[in-house]
Amino acid sequence: MASTGQIDKGFSRMASLPDDRIDLARGALLIAKAAYPDLIESFYLGRLNCIAVSLIDKITAKMDAVDIITRINHILFDEESLRGNRKNYYDPTTVS
């Protein structure tokens, strides 16, 4: 389990990098780790990687923006069943 100080230092280091070198997934997980210290980054990075592979396989350069967004929405919401918390939108600890 990382301490708040370690998380803050890691985030500060990342935030000081040039924009094109910032790993957004790791940055988001560092923010989440402040609220959930037992969060296992490798699990979520693996899940994001699987979703990315699925997207790469199903999106082509010939697709227009609407088709790409439709495909992304299908993967995230239909295949992965990702949902927000409809009862308490601002509560990050539960989903519905």
N, C-alpha and C. Protein backbone atom coordinates (compact mmCIF):
# COMPACT_ATOMS: atom_id res chain seq x y z
N MET A 1 0.85 -1.17 0.00
CA MET A 1 0.00 0.00 0.00
C MET A 1 0.90 1.24 0.00
N ALA A 2 0.62 2.16 -0.92
CA ALA A 2 1.41 3.39 -1.02
C ALA A 2 0.87 4.43 -0.06
N SER A 3 1.78 5.21 0.52
CA SER A 3 1.35 6.30 1.41
C SER A 3 0.91 7.49 0.57
N THR A 4 0.18 8.40 1.20
CA THR A 4 -0.26 9.60 0.50
C THR A 4 0.93 10.39 -0.02
N GLY A 5 2.00 10.44 0.78
CA GLY A 5 3.21 11.14 0.35
C GLY A 5 3.81 10.54 -0.91
N GLN A 6 3.87 9.21 -0.97
CA GLN A 6 4.40 8.53 -2.15
C GLN A 6 3.52 8.81 -3.37
N ILE A 7 2.21 8.77 -3.16
CA ILE A 7 1.28 9.04 -4.26
C ILE A 7 1.47 10.47 -4.75
N ASP A 8 1.55 11.43 -3.83
CA ASP A 8 1.74 12.83 -4.19
C ASP A 8 3.04 13.04 -4.97
N LYS A 9 4.12 12.42 -4.50
CA LYS A 9 5.41 12.56 -5.19
C LYS A 9 5.34 11.96 -6.58
N GLY A 10 4.73 10.79 -6.70
CA GLY A 10 4.60 10.15 -8.00
C GLY A 10 3.78 11.00 -8.97
N PHE A 11 2.71 11.58 -8.45
CA PHE A 11 1.87 12.41 -9.30
C PHE A 11 2.61 13.70 -9.69
N SER A 12 3.32 14.30 -8.76
CA SER A 12 4.10 15.51 -9.05
C SER A 12 5.16 15.24 -10.11
N ARG A 13 5.85 14.10 -9.98
CA ARG A 13 6.85 13.73 -10.98
C ARG A 13 6.21 13.60 -12.36
N MET A 14 5.07 12.92 -12.40
CA MET A 14 4.39 12.71 -13.67
C MET A 14 3.90 14.04 -14.25
N ALA A 15 3.33 14.90 -13.42
CA ALA A 15 2.79 16.17 -13.88
C ALA A 15 3.88 17.11 -14.39
N SER A 16 5.12 16.91 -13.97
CA SER A 16 6.21 17.78 -14.40
C SER A 16 6.77 17.37 -15.77
N LEU A 17 6.33 16.24 -16.28
CA LEU A 17 6.80 15.78 -17.59
C LEU A 17 6.17 16.59 -18.71
N PRO A 18 6.82 16.63 -19.87
CA PRO A 18 6.16 17.25 -21.03
C PRO A 18 4.85 16.50 -21.33
N ASP A 19 3.87 17.22 -21.84
CA ASP A 19 2.55 16.63 -22.07
C ASP A 19 2.60 15.31 -22.84
N ASP A 20 3.45 15.23 -23.85
CA ASP A 20 3.48 14.02 -24.68
C ASP A 20 4.14 12.83 -23.98
N ARG A 21 4.67 13.03 -22.79
CA ARG A 21 5.29 11.92 -22.05
C ARG A 21 4.46 11.49 -20.85
N ILE A 22 3.32 12.15 -20.62
CA ILE A 22 2.47 11.81 -19.48
C ILE A 22 1.61 10.61 -19.84
N ASP A 23 1.64 9.62 -18.99
CA ASP A 23 0.82 8.42 -19.15
C ASP A 23 -0.51 8.69 -18.43
N LEU A 24 -1.55 8.99 -19.20
CA LEU A 24 -2.83 9.37 -18.61
C LEU A 24 -3.44 8.26 -17.77
N ALA A 25 -3.31 7.02 -18.20
CA ALA A 25 -3.87 5.90 -17.43
C ALA A 25 -3.20 5.82 -16.06
N ARG A 26 -1.89 5.88 -16.04
CA ARG A 26 -1.18 5.83 -14.75
C ARG A 26 -1.50 7.04 -13.88
N GLY A 27 -1.64 8.21 -14.51
CA GLY A 27 -2.00 9.41 -13.76
C GLY A 27 -3.37 9.29 -13.12
N ALA A 28 -4.33 8.78 -13.88
CA ALA A 28 -5.68 8.58 -13.35
C ALA A 28 -5.66 7.57 -12.21
N LEU A 29 -4.86 6.53 -12.36
CA LEU A 29 -4.78 5.51 -11.30
C LEU A 29 -4.08 6.06 -10.05
N LEU A 30 -3.13 6.97 -10.23
CA LEU A 30 -2.51 7.61 -9.06
C LEU A 30 -3.54 8.44 -8.30
N ILE A 31 -4.38 9.16 -9.03
CA ILE A 31 -5.45 9.93 -8.38
C ILE A 31 -6.39 8.99 -7.65
N ALA A 32 -6.78 7.89 -8.29
CA ALA A 32 -7.68 6.92 -7.66
C ALA A 32 -7.03 6.29 -6.43
N LYS A 33 -5.72 6.09 -6.50
CA LYS A 33 -5.01 5.45 -5.39
C LYS A 33 -5.06 6.29 -4.11
N ALA A 34 -5.21 7.60 -4.26
CA ALA A 34 -5.34 8.46 -3.09
C ALA A 34 -6.60 8.11 -2.31
N ALA A 35 -7.67 7.74 -3.01
CA ALA A 35 -8.93 7.36 -2.35
C ALA A 35 -8.98 5.87 -2.05
N TYR A 36 -8.28 5.08 -2.85
CA TYR A 36 -8.29 3.63 -2.70
C TYR A 36 -6.85 3.13 -2.63
N PRO A 37 -6.20 3.24 -1.47
CA PRO A 37 -4.78 2.91 -1.36
C PRO A 37 -4.43 1.47 -1.73
N ASP A 38 -5.39 0.56 -1.65
CA ASP A 38 -5.11 -0.84 -1.98
C ASP A 38 -5.32 -1.15 -3.46
N LEU A 39 -5.62 -0.14 -4.25
CA LEU A 39 -5.85 -0.32 -5.68
C LEU A 39 -4.64 -0.99 -6.32
N ILE A 40 -4.89 -1.97 -7.14
CA ILE A 40 -3.81 -2.69 -7.82
C ILE A 40 -3.72 -2.17 -9.25
N GLU A 41 -2.74 -1.29 -9.47
CA GLU A 41 -2.60 -0.63 -10.76
C GLU A 41 -2.50 -1.62 -11.92
N SER A 42 -1.74 -2.69 -11.74
CA SER A 42 -1.52 -3.63 -12.83
C SER A 42 -2.83 -4.26 -13.32
N PHE A 43 -3.78 -4.48 -12.41
CA PHE A 43 -5.07 -5.04 -12.80
C PHE A 43 -5.79 -4.10 -13.76
N TYR A 44 -5.86 -2.82 -13.38
CA TYR A 44 -6.59 -1.85 -14.20
C TYR A 44 -5.85 -1.50 -15.48
N LEU A 45 -4.52 -1.47 -15.43
CA LEU A 45 -3.75 -1.25 -16.66
C LEU A 45 -3.96 -2.41 -17.62
N GLY A 46 -4.03 -3.62 -17.09
CA GLY A 46 -4.31 -4.79 -17.93
C GLY A 46 -5.69 -4.72 -18.56
N ARG A 47 -6.66 -4.30 -17.77
CA ARG A 47 -8.03 -4.17 -18.29
C ARG A 47 -8.10 -3.11 -19.38
N LEU A 48 -7.45 -1.96 -19.13
CA LEU A 48 -7.41 -0.91 -20.15
C LEU A 48 -6.72 -1.40 -21.42
N ASN A 49 -5.66 -2.17 -21.26
CA ASN A 49 -4.95 -2.71 -22.42
C ASN A 49 -5.85 -3.65 -23.23
N CYS A 50 -6.61 -4.48 -22.55
CA CYS A 50 -7.53 -5.39 -23.26
C CYS A 50 -8.58 -4.60 -24.03
N ILE A 51 -9.10 -3.55 -23.43
CA ILE A 51 -10.08 -2.70 -24.12
C ILE A 51 -9.43 -2.04 -25.33
N ALA A 52 -8.20 -1.55 -25.16
CA ALA A 52 -7.49 -0.90 -26.27
C ALA A 52 -7.26 -1.87 -27.42
N VAL A 53 -6.88 -3.09 -27.11
CA VAL A 53 -6.66 -4.10 -28.15
C VAL A 53 -7.97 -4.35 -28.90
N SER A 54 -9.06 -4.44 -28.16
CA SER A 54 -10.36 -4.64 -28.78
C SER A 54 -10.71 -3.49 -29.72
N LEU A 55 -10.42 -2.26 -29.27
CA LEU A 55 -10.69 -1.09 -30.11
C LEU A 55 -9.82 -1.08 -31.36
N ILE A 56 -8.54 -1.39 -31.20
CA ILE A 56 -7.62 -1.42 -32.34
C ILE A 56 -8.09 -2.41 -33.39
N ASP A 57 -8.59 -3.55 -32.95
CA ASP A 57 -9.06 -4.58 -33.87
C ASP A 57 -10.34 -4.19 -34.60
N LYS A 58 -11.10 -3.25 -34.03
CA LYS A 58 -12.42 -2.95 -34.59
C LYS A 58 -12.55 -1.56 -35.19
N ILE A 59 -11.49 -0.79 -35.19
CA ILE A 59 -11.53 0.56 -35.75
C ILE A 59 -10.50 0.65 -36.88
N THR A 60 -10.94 1.21 -38.00
CA THR A 60 -10.04 1.36 -39.14
C THR A 60 -9.87 2.82 -39.49
N ALA A 61 -8.83 3.12 -40.24
CA ALA A 61 -8.54 4.49 -40.67
C ALA A 61 -9.62 5.01 -41.61
N LYS A 62 -10.35 4.12 -42.26
CA LYS A 62 -11.38 4.54 -43.22
C LYS A 62 -12.69 4.94 -42.55
N MET A 63 -12.83 4.67 -41.25
CA MET A 63 -14.07 5.00 -40.54
C MET A 63 -14.14 6.49 -40.28
N ASP A 64 -15.37 7.04 -40.34
CA ASP A 64 -15.52 8.45 -39.99
C ASP A 64 -15.72 8.56 -38.48
N ALA A 65 -15.72 9.80 -37.96
CA ALA A 65 -15.77 10.04 -36.52
C ALA A 65 -17.01 9.43 -35.87
N VAL A 66 -18.16 9.52 -36.52
CA VAL A 66 -19.40 8.97 -35.95
C VAL A 66 -19.30 7.46 -35.81
N ASP A 67 -18.76 6.79 -36.82
CA ASP A 67 -18.59 5.34 -36.76
C ASP A 67 -17.61 4.94 -35.65
N ILE A 68 -16.54 5.71 -35.50
CA ILE A 68 -15.56 5.41 -34.45
C ILE A 68 -16.19 5.56 -33.07
N ILE A 69 -16.91 6.65 -32.86
CA ILE A 69 -17.56 6.87 -31.56
C ILE A 69 -18.60 5.79 -31.29
N THR A 70 -19.36 5.42 -32.31
CA THR A 70 -20.35 4.35 -32.16
C THR A 70 -19.67 3.04 -31.76
N ARG A 71 -18.55 2.73 -32.38
CA ARG A 71 -17.81 1.50 -32.07
C ARG A 71 -17.26 1.55 -30.65
N ILE A 72 -16.67 2.68 -30.26
CA ILE A 72 -16.14 2.83 -28.91
C ILE A 72 -17.26 2.67 -27.88
N ASN A 73 -18.38 3.34 -28.10
CA ASN A 73 -19.52 3.22 -27.18
C ASN A 73 -20.00 1.78 -27.07
N HIS A 74 -20.06 1.07 -28.18
CA HIS A 74 -20.49 -0.33 -28.16
C HIS A 74 -19.55 -1.17 -27.29
N ILE A 75 -18.26 -0.97 -27.47
CA ILE A 75 -17.29 -1.76 -26.70
C ILE A 75 -17.36 -1.42 -25.21
N LEU A 76 -17.37 -0.13 -24.89
CA LEU A 76 -17.37 0.27 -23.48
C LEU A 76 -18.67 -0.09 -22.77
N PHE A 77 -19.80 0.22 -23.39
CA PHE A 77 -21.08 0.09 -22.70
C PHE A 77 -21.77 -1.24 -22.92
N ASP A 78 -21.64 -1.83 -24.11
CA ASP A 78 -22.30 -3.11 -24.37
C ASP A 78 -21.40 -4.30 -24.04
N GLU A 79 -20.20 -4.31 -24.59
CA GLU A 79 -19.30 -5.45 -24.35
C GLU A 79 -18.71 -5.43 -22.94
N GLU A 80 -18.24 -4.28 -22.48
CA GLU A 80 -17.60 -4.18 -21.16
C GLU A 80 -18.58 -3.87 -20.04
N SER A 81 -19.80 -3.50 -20.39
CA SER A 81 -20.86 -3.18 -19.42
C SER A 81 -20.47 -2.08 -18.43
N LEU A 82 -19.70 -1.10 -18.89
CA LEU A 82 -19.34 0.00 -18.01
C LEU A 82 -20.55 0.91 -17.83
N ARG A 83 -20.78 1.32 -16.61
CA ARG A 83 -21.92 2.17 -16.27
C ARG A 83 -21.53 3.13 -15.16
N GLY A 84 -22.20 4.25 -15.11
CA GLY A 84 -22.02 5.19 -14.02
C GLY A 84 -23.02 4.90 -12.92
N ASN A 85 -22.90 5.60 -11.83
CA ASN A 85 -23.80 5.45 -10.69
C ASN A 85 -25.02 6.35 -10.94
N ARG A 86 -26.15 5.77 -11.27
CA ARG A 86 -27.35 6.54 -11.60
C ARG A 86 -28.02 7.12 -10.36
N LYS A 87 -27.84 6.49 -9.21
CA LYS A 87 -28.49 6.96 -7.99
C LYS A 87 -27.69 8.06 -7.30
N ASN A 88 -26.37 7.96 -7.35
CA ASN A 88 -25.52 8.96 -6.70
C ASN A 88 -24.34 9.23 -7.61
N TYR A 89 -24.54 10.08 -8.59
CA TYR A 89 -23.57 10.36 -9.65
C TYR A 89 -22.18 10.71 -9.11
N TYR A 90 -22.12 11.46 -8.01
CA TYR A 90 -20.84 11.95 -7.52
C TYR A 90 -20.13 10.99 -6.55
N ASP A 91 -20.69 9.83 -6.31
CA ASP A 91 -20.08 8.84 -5.41
C ASP A 91 -19.24 7.88 -6.25
N PRO A 92 -17.90 7.96 -6.16
CA PRO A 92 -17.05 7.10 -6.99
C PRO A 92 -16.96 5.66 -6.49
N THR A 93 -17.55 5.36 -5.33
CA THR A 93 -17.35 4.05 -4.74
C THR A 93 -18.39 3.01 -5.18
N THR A 94 -19.46 3.44 -5.81
CA THR A 94 -20.48 2.48 -6.22
C THR A 94 -20.90 2.72 -7.66
N VAL A 95 -21.38 1.69 -8.30
CA VAL A 95 -21.94 1.79 -9.64
C VAL A 95 -23.30 1.12 -9.64
N SER A 96 -24.11 1.50 -10.60
CA SER A 96 -25.41 0.86 -10.71
C SER A 96 -25.70 0.48 -12.15
